[in-house]
PDB file of all heavy atoms in Angstrom:
ATOM      1  N   LEU A   1       2.571   0.653   5.915  1.00  0.00           N
ATOM      2  CA  LEU A   1       2.410  -0.726   5.458  1.00  0.00           C
ATOM      3  C   LEU A   1       1.474  -0.779   4.263  1.00  0.00           C
ATOM      4  O   LEU A   1       0.621   0.083   4.069  1.00  0.00           O
ATOM      5  CB  LEU A   1       1.886  -1.620   6.587  1.00  0.00           C
ATOM      6  CG  LEU A   1       0.451  -1.424   7.076  1.00  0.00           C
ATOM      7  CD1 LEU A   1      -0.562  -2.195   6.243  1.00  0.00           C
ATOM      8  CD2 LEU A   1       0.331  -1.842   8.523  1.00  0.00           C
ATOM      9  N   LEU A   2       1.658  -1.827   3.473  1.00  0.00           N
ATOM     10  CA  LEU A   2       0.778  -2.131   2.344  1.00  0.00           C
ATOM     11  C   LEU A   2       0.545  -3.631   2.340  1.00  0.00           C
ATOM     12  O   LEU A   2       1.498  -4.406   2.424  1.00  0.00           O
ATOM     13  CB  LEU A   2       1.419  -1.696   1.020  1.00  0.00           C
ATOM     14  CG  LEU A   2       0.575  -1.918  -0.230  1.00  0.00           C
ATOM     15  CD1 LEU A   2      -0.443  -0.800  -0.375  1.00  0.00           C
ATOM     16  CD2 LEU A   2       1.439  -1.965  -1.476  1.00  0.00           C
ATOM     17  N   PHE A   3      -0.732  -4.026   2.276  1.00  0.00           N
ATOM     18  CA  PHE A   3      -1.095  -5.437   2.278  1.00  0.00           C
ATOM     19  C   PHE A   3      -1.794  -5.755   0.968  1.00  0.00           C
ATOM     20  O   PHE A   3      -2.726  -5.050   0.561  1.00  0.00           O
ATOM     21  CB  PHE A   3      -2.010  -5.749   3.453  1.00  0.00           C
ATOM     22  CG  PHE A   3      -2.607  -7.132   3.416  1.00  0.00           C
ATOM     23  CD1 PHE A   3      -1.812  -8.254   3.608  1.00  0.00           C
ATOM     24  CD2 PHE A   3      -3.959  -7.315   3.183  1.00  0.00           C
ATOM     25  CE1 PHE A   3      -2.357  -9.532   3.574  1.00  0.00           C
ATOM     26  CE2 PHE A   3      -4.512  -8.584   3.150  1.00  0.00           C
ATOM     27  CZ  PHE A   3      -3.711  -9.694   3.340  1.00  0.00           C
ATOM     28  N   ALA A   4      -1.352  -6.818   0.275  1.00  0.00           N
ATOM     29  CA  ALA A   4      -1.920  -7.203  -1.015  1.00  0.00           C
ATOM     30  C   ALA A   4      -2.413  -8.637  -0.938  1.00  0.00           C
ATOM     31  O   ALA A   4      -1.652  -9.554  -0.617  1.00  0.00           O
ATOM     32  CB  ALA A   4      -0.879  -7.058  -2.124  1.00  0.00           C
ATOM     33  N   LEU A   5      -3.700  -8.826  -1.239  1.00  0.00           N
ATOM     34  CA  LEU A   5      -4.318 -10.151  -1.203  1.00  0.00           C
ATOM     35  C   LEU A   5      -4.823 -10.497  -2.599  1.00  0.00           C
ATOM     36  O   LEU A   5      -5.607  -9.744  -3.178  1.00  0.00           O
ATOM     37  CB  LEU A   5      -5.487 -10.162  -0.219  1.00  0.00           C
ATOM     38  CG  LEU A   5      -6.210 -11.500  -0.039  1.00  0.00           C
ATOM     39  CD1 LEU A   5      -5.286 -12.502   0.646  1.00  0.00           C
ATOM     40  CD2 LEU A   5      -7.481 -11.305   0.771  1.00  0.00           C
ATOM     41  N   PRO A   6      -4.385 -11.621  -3.185  1.00  0.00           N
ATOM     42  CA  PRO A   6      -4.860 -11.981  -4.538  1.00  0.00           C
ATOM     43  C   PRO A   6      -6.358 -12.281  -4.540  1.00  0.00           C
ATOM     44  O   PRO A   6      -6.847 -13.075  -3.730  1.00  0.00           O
ATOM     45  CB  PRO A   6      -4.041 -13.243  -4.864  1.00  0.00           C
ATOM     46  CG  PRO A   6      -2.890 -13.234  -3.920  1.00  0.00           C
ATOM     47  CD  PRO A   6      -3.379 -12.570  -2.679  1.00  0.00           C
ATOM     48  N   LEU A   7      -7.078 -11.623  -5.448  1.00  0.00           N
ATOM     49  CA  LEU A   7      -8.491 -11.933  -5.655  1.00  0.00           C
ATOM     50  C   LEU A   7      -8.655 -12.980  -6.743  1.00  0.00           C
ATOM     51  O   LEU A   7      -9.524 -13.838  -6.668  1.00  0.00           O
ATOM     52  CB  LEU A   7      -9.268 -10.669  -6.029  1.00  0.00           C
ATOM     53  CG  LEU A   7      -9.384  -9.593  -4.958  1.00  0.00           C
ATOM     54  CD1 LEU A   7     -10.188  -8.418  -5.483  1.00  0.00           C
ATOM     55  CD2 LEU A   7     -10.026 -10.155  -3.692  1.00  0.00           C
ATOM     56  N   ASP A   8      -7.837 -12.881  -7.770  1.00  0.00           N
ATOM     57  CA  ASP A   8      -7.792 -13.855  -8.855  1.00  0.00           C
ATOM     58  C   ASP A   8      -6.411 -13.750  -9.490  1.00  0.00           C
ATOM     59  O   ASP A   8      -5.510 -13.113  -8.914  1.00  0.00           O
ATOM     60  CB  ASP A   8      -8.915 -13.610  -9.882  1.00  0.00           C
ATOM     61  CG  ASP A   8      -8.945 -12.182 -10.411  1.00  0.00           C
ATOM     62  OD1 ASP A   8      -7.860 -11.625 -10.698  1.00  0.00           O
ATOM     63  OD2 ASP A   8     -10.042 -11.617 -10.558  1.00  0.00           O
ATOM     64  N   SER A   9      -6.229 -14.360 -10.644  1.00  0.00           N
ATOM     65  CA  SER A   9      -4.898 -14.377 -11.268  1.00  0.00           C
ATOM     66  C   SER A   9      -4.484 -13.015 -11.820  1.00  0.00           C
ATOM     67  O   SER A   9      -3.317 -12.829 -12.171  1.00  0.00           O
ATOM     68  CB  SER A   9      -4.859 -15.414 -12.392  1.00  0.00           C
ATOM     69  OG  SER A   9      -5.842 -15.118 -13.382  1.00  0.00           O
ATOM     70  N   HIS A  10      -5.415 -12.061 -11.889  1.00  0.00           N
ATOM     71  CA  HIS A  10      -5.103 -10.763 -12.493  1.00  0.00           C
ATOM     72  C   HIS A  10      -5.227  -9.585 -11.527  1.00  0.00           C
ATOM     73  O   HIS A  10      -4.807  -8.482 -11.852  1.00  0.00           O
ATOM     74  CB  HIS A  10      -6.029 -10.499 -13.686  1.00  0.00           C
ATOM     75  CG  HIS A  10      -6.017 -11.572 -14.723  1.00  0.00           C
ATOM     76  ND1 HIS A  10      -4.945 -11.789 -15.554  1.00  0.00           N
ATOM     77  CD2 HIS A  10      -6.945 -12.511 -15.048  1.00  0.00           C
ATOM     78  CE1 HIS A  10      -5.213 -12.804 -16.368  1.00  0.00           C
ATOM     79  NE2 HIS A  10      -6.420 -13.258 -16.070  1.00  0.00           N
ATOM     80  N   THR A  11      -5.802  -9.789 -10.330  1.00  0.00           N
ATOM     81  CA  THR A  11      -6.152  -8.665  -9.474  1.00  0.00           C
ATOM     82  C   THR A  11      -5.703  -8.876  -8.036  1.00  0.00           C
ATOM     83  O   THR A  11      -5.838  -9.961  -7.483  1.00  0.00           O
ATOM     84  CB  THR A  11      -7.682  -8.432  -9.483  1.00  0.00           C
ATOM     85  OG1 THR A  11      -8.145  -8.387 -10.832  1.00  0.00           O
ATOM     86  CG2 THR A  11      -8.033  -7.127  -8.791  1.00  0.00           C
ATOM     87  N   LEU A  12      -5.179  -7.809  -7.447  1.00  0.00           N
ATOM     88  CA  LEU A  12      -4.814  -7.783  -6.037  1.00  0.00           C
ATOM     89  C   LEU A  12      -5.695  -6.772  -5.312  1.00  0.00           C
ATOM     90  O   LEU A  12      -5.891  -5.655  -5.802  1.00  0.00           O
ATOM     91  CB  LEU A  12      -3.349  -7.375  -5.859  1.00  0.00           C
ATOM     92  CG  LEU A  12      -2.281  -8.262  -6.493  1.00  0.00           C
ATOM     93  CD1 LEU A  12      -0.928  -7.570  -6.416  1.00  0.00           C
ATOM     94  CD2 LEU A  12      -2.219  -9.611  -5.778  1.00  0.00           C
ATOM     95  N   GLU A  13      -6.236  -7.167  -4.162  1.00  0.00           N
ATOM     96  CA  GLU A  13      -6.936  -6.204  -3.307  1.00  0.00           C
ATOM     97  C   GLU A  13      -5.959  -5.727  -2.259  1.00  0.00           C
ATOM     98  O   GLU A  13      -5.311  -6.533  -1.580  1.00  0.00           O
ATOM     99  CB  GLU A  13      -8.157  -6.836  -2.654  1.00  0.00           C
ATOM    100  CG  GLU A  13      -8.927  -5.836  -1.780  1.00  0.00           C
ATOM    101  CD  GLU A  13     -10.224  -6.402  -1.248  1.00  0.00           C
ATOM    102  OE1 GLU A  13     -11.104  -6.742  -2.065  1.00  0.00           O
ATOM    103  OE2 GLU A  13     -10.342  -6.532  -0.016  1.00  0.00           O
ATOM    104  N   CYS A  14      -5.833  -4.408  -2.122  1.00  0.00           N
ATOM    105  CA  CYS A  14      -4.791  -3.845  -1.271  1.00  0.00           C
ATOM    106  C   CYS A  14      -5.355  -2.907  -0.211  1.00  0.00           C
ATOM    107  O   CYS A  14      -6.359  -2.225  -0.427  1.00  0.00           O
ATOM    108  CB  CYS A  14      -3.771  -3.080  -2.115  1.00  0.00           C
ATOM    109  SG  CYS A  14      -2.844  -4.131  -3.240  1.00  0.00           S
ATOM    110  N   MET A  15      -4.664  -2.895   0.926  1.00  0.00           N
ATOM    111  CA  MET A  15      -4.963  -1.966   2.005  1.00  0.00           C
ATOM    112  C   MET A  15      -3.648  -1.348   2.449  1.00  0.00           C
ATOM    113  O   MET A  15      -2.609  -2.017   2.459  1.00  0.00           O
ATOM    114  CB  MET A  15      -5.640  -2.696   3.166  1.00  0.00           C
ATOM    115  CG  MET A  15      -6.902  -3.448   2.770  1.00  0.00           C
ATOM    116  SD  MET A  15      -7.572  -4.470   4.097  1.00  0.00           S
ATOM    117  CE  MET A  15      -8.158  -3.193   5.202  1.00  0.00           C
ATOM    118  N   ALA A  16      -3.698  -0.077   2.822  1.00  0.00           N
ATOM    119  CA  ALA A  16      -2.472   0.628   3.192  1.00  0.00           C
ATOM    120  C   ALA A  16      -2.733   1.535   4.388  1.00  0.00           C
ATOM    121  O   ALA A  16      -3.856   1.995   4.608  1.00  0.00           O
ATOM    122  CB  ALA A  16      -1.950   1.442   2.010  1.00  0.00           C
ATOM    123  N   LEU A  17      -1.668   1.796   5.138  1.00  0.00           N
ATOM    124  CA  LEU A  17      -1.778   2.638   6.325  1.00  0.00           C
ATOM    125  C   LEU A  17      -0.419   3.249   6.630  1.00  0.00           C
ATOM    126  O   LEU A  17       0.606   2.577   6.518  1.00  0.00           O
ATOM    127  CB  LEU A  17      -2.249   1.798   7.515  1.00  0.00           C
ATOM    128  CG  LEU A  17      -2.759   2.537   8.759  1.00  0.00           C
ATOM    129  CD1 LEU A  17      -3.992   3.373   8.406  1.00  0.00           C
ATOM    130  CD2 LEU A  17      -3.107   1.543   9.848  1.00  0.00           C
ATOM    131  N   THR A  18      -0.424   4.531   7.015  1.00  0.00           N
ATOM    132  CA  THR A  18       0.804   5.253   7.362  1.00  0.00           C
ATOM    133  C   THR A  18       0.604   5.978   8.688  1.00  0.00           C
ATOM    134  O   THR A  18      -0.502   6.470   8.975  1.00  0.00           O
ATOM    135  CB  THR A  18       1.166   6.270   6.267  1.00  0.00           C
ATOM    136  OG1 THR A  18       1.404   5.573   5.038  1.00  0.00           O
ATOM    137  CG2 THR A  18       2.412   7.059   6.628  1.00  0.00           C
ATOM    138  N   ARG A  19       1.640   6.023   9.494  1.00  0.00           N
ATOM    139  CA  ARG A  19       1.559   6.751  10.771  1.00  0.00           C
ATOM    140  C   ARG A  19       1.053   8.172  10.537  1.00  0.00           C
ATOM    141  O   ARG A  19       1.506   8.854   9.592  1.00  0.00           O
ATOM    142  CB  ARG A  19       2.936   6.828  11.435  1.00  0.00           C
ATOM    143  CG  ARG A  19       3.380   5.580  12.169  1.00  0.00           C
ATOM    144  CD  ARG A  19       4.757   5.797  12.781  1.00  0.00           C
ATOM    145  NE  ARG A  19       4.731   6.881  13.765  1.00  0.00           N
ATOM    146  CZ  ARG A  19       4.637   6.684  15.085  1.00  0.00           C
ATOM    147  NH1 ARG A  19       4.575   5.454  15.575  1.00  0.00           N
ATOM    148  NH2 ARG A  19       4.632   7.714  15.914  1.00  0.00           N
ATOM    149  N   PRO A  20       0.145   8.650  11.366  1.00  0.00           N
ATOM    150  CA  PRO A  20      -0.409   9.996  11.169  1.00  0.00           C
ATOM    151  C   PRO A  20       0.644  11.095  11.120  1.00  0.00           C
ATOM    152  O   PRO A  20       0.499  12.065  10.365  1.00  0.00           O
ATOM    153  CB  PRO A  20      -1.347  10.173  12.381  1.00  0.00           C
ATOM    154  CG  PRO A  20      -1.737   8.777  12.747  1.00  0.00           C
ATOM    155  CD  PRO A  20      -0.526   7.930  12.468  1.00  0.00           C
ATOM    156  N   ASP A  21       1.717  10.959  11.907  1.00  0.00           N
ATOM    157  CA  ASP A  21       2.737  12.007  11.939  1.00  0.00           C
ATOM    158  C   ASP A  21       3.753  11.901  10.808  1.00  0.00           C
ATOM    159  O   ASP A  21       4.656  12.738  10.720  1.00  0.00           O
ATOM    160  CB  ASP A  21       3.467  12.001  13.286  1.00  0.00           C
ATOM    161  CG  ASP A  21       4.146  10.668  13.586  1.00  0.00           C
ATOM    162  OD1 ASP A  21       3.730   9.646  12.992  1.00  0.00           O
ATOM    163  OD2 ASP A  21       5.092  10.647  14.400  1.00  0.00           O
ATOM    164  N   ARG A  22       3.606  10.886   9.924  1.00  0.00           N
ATOM    165  CA  ARG A  22       4.555  10.724   8.822  1.00  0.00           C
ATOM    166  C   ARG A  22       3.842  10.676   7.464  1.00  0.00           C
ATOM    167  O   ARG A  22       4.415  10.184   6.493  1.00  0.00           O
ATOM    168  CB  ARG A  22       5.392   9.460   9.034  1.00  0.00           C
ATOM    169  CG  ARG A  22       6.194   9.454  10.321  1.00  0.00           C
ATOM    170  CD  ARG A  22       7.196  10.612  10.388  1.00  0.00           C
ATOM    171  NE  ARG A  22       8.165  10.537   9.331  1.00  0.00           N
ATOM    172  CZ  ARG A  22       9.343   9.934   9.439  1.00  0.00           C
ATOM    173  NH1 ARG A  22       9.675   9.336  10.580  1.00  0.00           N
ATOM    174  NH2 ARG A  22      10.190   9.933   8.443  1.00  0.00           N
ATOM    175  N   ARG A  23       2.648  11.172   7.413  1.00  0.00           N
ATOM    176  CA  ARG A  23       1.928  11.206   6.152  1.00  0.00           C
ATOM    177  C   ARG A  23       2.407  12.365   5.287  1.00  0.00           C
ATOM    178  O   ARG A  23       3.067  13.274   5.742  1.00  0.00           O
ATOM    179  CB  ARG A  23       0.416  11.298   6.421  1.00  0.00           C
ATOM    180  CG  ARG A  23      -0.129  10.033   7.094  1.00  0.00           C
ATOM    181  CD  ARG A  23      -1.569  10.159   7.536  1.00  0.00           C
ATOM    182  NE  ARG A  23      -2.018   8.933   8.193  1.00  0.00           N
ATOM    183  CZ  ARG A  23      -3.194   8.780   8.787  1.00  0.00           C
ATOM    184  NH1 ARG A  23      -4.052   9.787   8.803  1.00  0.00           N
ATOM    185  NH2 ARG A  23      -3.508   7.630   9.371  1.00  0.00           N
ATOM    186  N   LYS A  24       2.068  12.304   4.011  1.00  0.00           N
ATOM    187  CA  LYS A  24       2.459  13.318   3.020  1.00  0.00           C
ATOM    188  C   LYS A  24       3.966  13.377   2.825  1.00  0.00           C
ATOM    189  O   LYS A  24       4.513  14.412   2.449  1.00  0.00           O
ATOM    190  CB  LYS A  24       1.900  14.696   3.391  1.00  0.00           C
ATOM    191  CG  LYS A  24       0.380  14.740   3.465  1.00  0.00           C
ATOM    192  CD  LYS A  24      -0.135  16.143   3.776  1.00  0.00           C
ATOM    193  CE  LYS A  24      -1.655  16.157   3.843  1.00  0.00           C
ATOM    194  NZ  LYS A  24      -2.191  17.508   4.120  1.00  0.00           N
ATOM    195  N   GLU A  25       4.645  12.243   3.075  1.00  0.00           N
ATOM    196  CA  GLU A  25       6.093  12.154   2.837  1.00  0.00           C
ATOM    197  C   GLU A  25       6.411  11.196   1.697  1.00  0.00           C
ATOM    198  O   GLU A  25       7.574  10.915   1.439  1.00  0.00           O
ATOM    199  CB  GLU A  25       6.825  11.703   4.107  1.00  0.00           C
ATOM    200  CG  GLU A  25       6.725  12.676   5.267  1.00  0.00           C
ATOM    201  CD  GLU A  25       7.518  12.216   6.486  1.00  0.00           C
ATOM    202  OE1 GLU A  25       8.375  11.316   6.322  1.00  0.00           O
ATOM    203  OE2 GLU A  25       7.291  12.747   7.581  1.00  0.00           O
ATOM    204  N   GLY A  26       5.389  10.685   1.023  1.00  0.00           N
ATOM    205  CA  GLY A  26       5.609   9.777  -0.098  1.00  0.00           C
ATOM    206  C   GLY A  26       5.878   8.334   0.311  1.00  0.00           C
ATOM    207  O   GLY A  26       6.315   7.527  -0.522  1.00  0.00           O
ATOM    208  N   LEU A  27       5.590   7.968   1.566  1.00  0.00           N
ATOM    209  CA  LEU A  27       5.873   6.611   2.021  1.00  0.00           C
ATOM    210  C   LEU A  27       4.958   5.596   1.341  1.00  0.00           C
ATOM    211  O   LEU A  27       5.409   4.523   0.929  1.00  0.00           O
ATOM    212  CB  LEU A  27       5.717   6.522   3.547  1.00  0.00           C
ATOM    213  CG  LEU A  27       6.554   7.514   4.372  1.00  0.00           C
ATOM    214  CD1 LEU A  27       6.354   7.253   5.853  1.00  0.00           C
ATOM    215  CD2 LEU A  27       8.031   7.407   3.997  1.00  0.00           C
ATOM    216  N   PHE A  28       3.682   5.933   1.225  1.00  0.00           N
ATOM    217  CA  PHE A  28       2.746   5.038   0.544  1.00  0.00           C
ATOM    218  C   PHE A  28       3.143   4.841  -0.913  1.00  0.00           C
ATOM    219  O   PHE A  28       3.080   3.718  -1.441  1.00  0.00           O
ATOM    220  CB  PHE A  28       1.327   5.604   0.635  1.00  0.00           C
ATOM    221  CG  PHE A  28       0.363   4.977  -0.327  1.00  0.00           C
ATOM    222  CD1 PHE A  28      -0.059   3.660  -0.162  1.00  0.00           C
ATOM    223  CD2 PHE A  28      -0.126   5.691  -1.409  1.00  0.00           C
ATOM    224  CE1 PHE A  28      -0.952   3.073  -1.051  1.00  0.00           C
ATOM    225  CE2 PHE A  28      -1.011   5.118  -2.296  1.00  0.00           C
ATOM    226  CZ  PHE A  28      -1.427   3.807  -2.124  1.00  0.00           C
ATOM    227  N   VAL A  29       3.575   5.891  -1.570  1.00  0.00           N
ATOM    228  CA  VAL A  29       3.986   5.786  -2.972  1.00  0.00           C
ATOM    229  C   VAL A  29       5.179   4.848  -3.115  1.00  0.00           C
ATOM    230  O   VAL A  29       5.257   4.072  -4.087  1.00  0.00           O
ATOM    231  CB  VAL A  29       4.306   7.183  -3.546  1.00  0.00           C
ATOM    232  CG1 VAL A  29       4.878   7.072  -4.957  1.00  0.00           C
ATOM    233  CG2 VAL A  29       3.062   8.051  -3.558  1.00  0.00           C
ATOM    234  N   ARG A  30       6.091   4.877  -2.155  1.00  0.00           N
ATOM    235  CA  ARG A  30       7.233   3.961  -2.191  1.00  0.00           C
ATOM    236  C   ARG A  30       6.781   2.510  -2.078  1.00  0.00           C
ATOM    237  O   ARG A  30       7.267   1.631  -2.792  1.00  0.00           O
ATOM    238  CB  ARG A  30       8.203   4.290  -1.053  1.00  0.00           C
ATOM    239  CG  ARG A  30       9.053   5.538  -1.265  1.00  0.00           C
ATOM    240  CD  ARG A  30      10.118   5.640  -0.197  1.00  0.00           C
ATOM    241  NE  ARG A  30      10.982   4.461  -0.179  1.00  0.00           N
ATOM    242  CZ  ARG A  30      11.866   4.195   0.786  1.00  0.00           C
ATOM    243  NH1 ARG A  30      11.976   5.022   1.817  1.00  0.00           N
ATOM    244  NH2 ARG A  30      12.618   3.110   0.724  1.00  0.00           N
ATOM    245  N   LEU A  31       5.835   2.257  -1.166  1.00  0.00           N
ATOM    246  CA  LEU A  31       5.332   0.895  -1.007  1.00  0.00           C
ATOM    247  C   LEU A  31       4.568   0.450  -2.249  1.00  0.00           C
ATOM    248  O   LEU A  31       4.691  -0.699  -2.672  1.00  0.00           O
ATOM    249  CB  LEU A  31       4.427   0.822   0.219  1.00  0.00           C
ATOM    250  CG  LEU A  31       5.107   1.039   1.573  1.00  0.00           C
ATOM    251  CD1 LEU A  31       4.076   1.008   2.694  1.00  0.00           C
ATOM    252  CD2 LEU A  31       6.176  -0.017   1.819  1.00  0.00           C
ATOM    253  N   LEU A  32       3.800   1.349  -2.829  1.00  0.00           N
ATOM    254  CA  LEU A  32       3.050   1.015  -4.035  1.00  0.00           C
ATOM    255  C   LEU A  32       3.999   0.688  -5.183  1.00  0.00           C
ATOM    256  O   LEU A  32       3.756  -0.244  -5.959  1.00  0.00           O
ATOM    257  CB  LEU A  32       2.133   2.185  -4.415  1.00  0.00           C
ATOM    258  CG  LEU A  32       1.176   1.961  -5.581  1.00  0.00           C
ATOM    259  CD1 LEU A  32       0.259   0.781  -5.324  1.00  0.00           C
ATOM    260  CD2 LEU A  32       0.352   3.220  -5.830  1.00  0.00           C
ATOM    261  N   ALA A  33       5.091   1.418  -5.276  1.00  0.00           N
ATOM    262  CA  ALA A  33       6.086   1.137  -6.314  1.00  0.00           C
ATOM    263  C   ALA A  33       6.741  -0.221  -6.084  1.00  0.00           C
ATOM    264  O   ALA A  33       7.002  -0.967  -7.036  1.00  0.00           O
ATOM    265  CB  ALA A  33       7.144   2.244  -6.330  1.00  0.00           C
ATOM    266  N   ALA A  34       6.974  -0.571  -4.821  1.00  0.00           N
ATOM    267  CA  ALA A  34       7.553  -1.877  -4.507  1.00  0.00           C
ATOM    268  C   ALA A  34       6.601  -3.000  -4.903  1.00  0.00           C
ATOM    269  O   ALA A  34       7.015  -4.032  -5.443  1.00  0.00           O
ATOM    270  CB  ALA A  34       7.882  -1.955  -3.022  1.00  0.00           C
TER     271      ALA A  34
END
């Protein structure tokens, strides 16, 4: 998952988390690209 919260009109504060057994598979990068 990736969560994005607007701080102002130009910036998003984001938090991300991936299942421990599915890390290093590029899942976070896919969400970041989205």
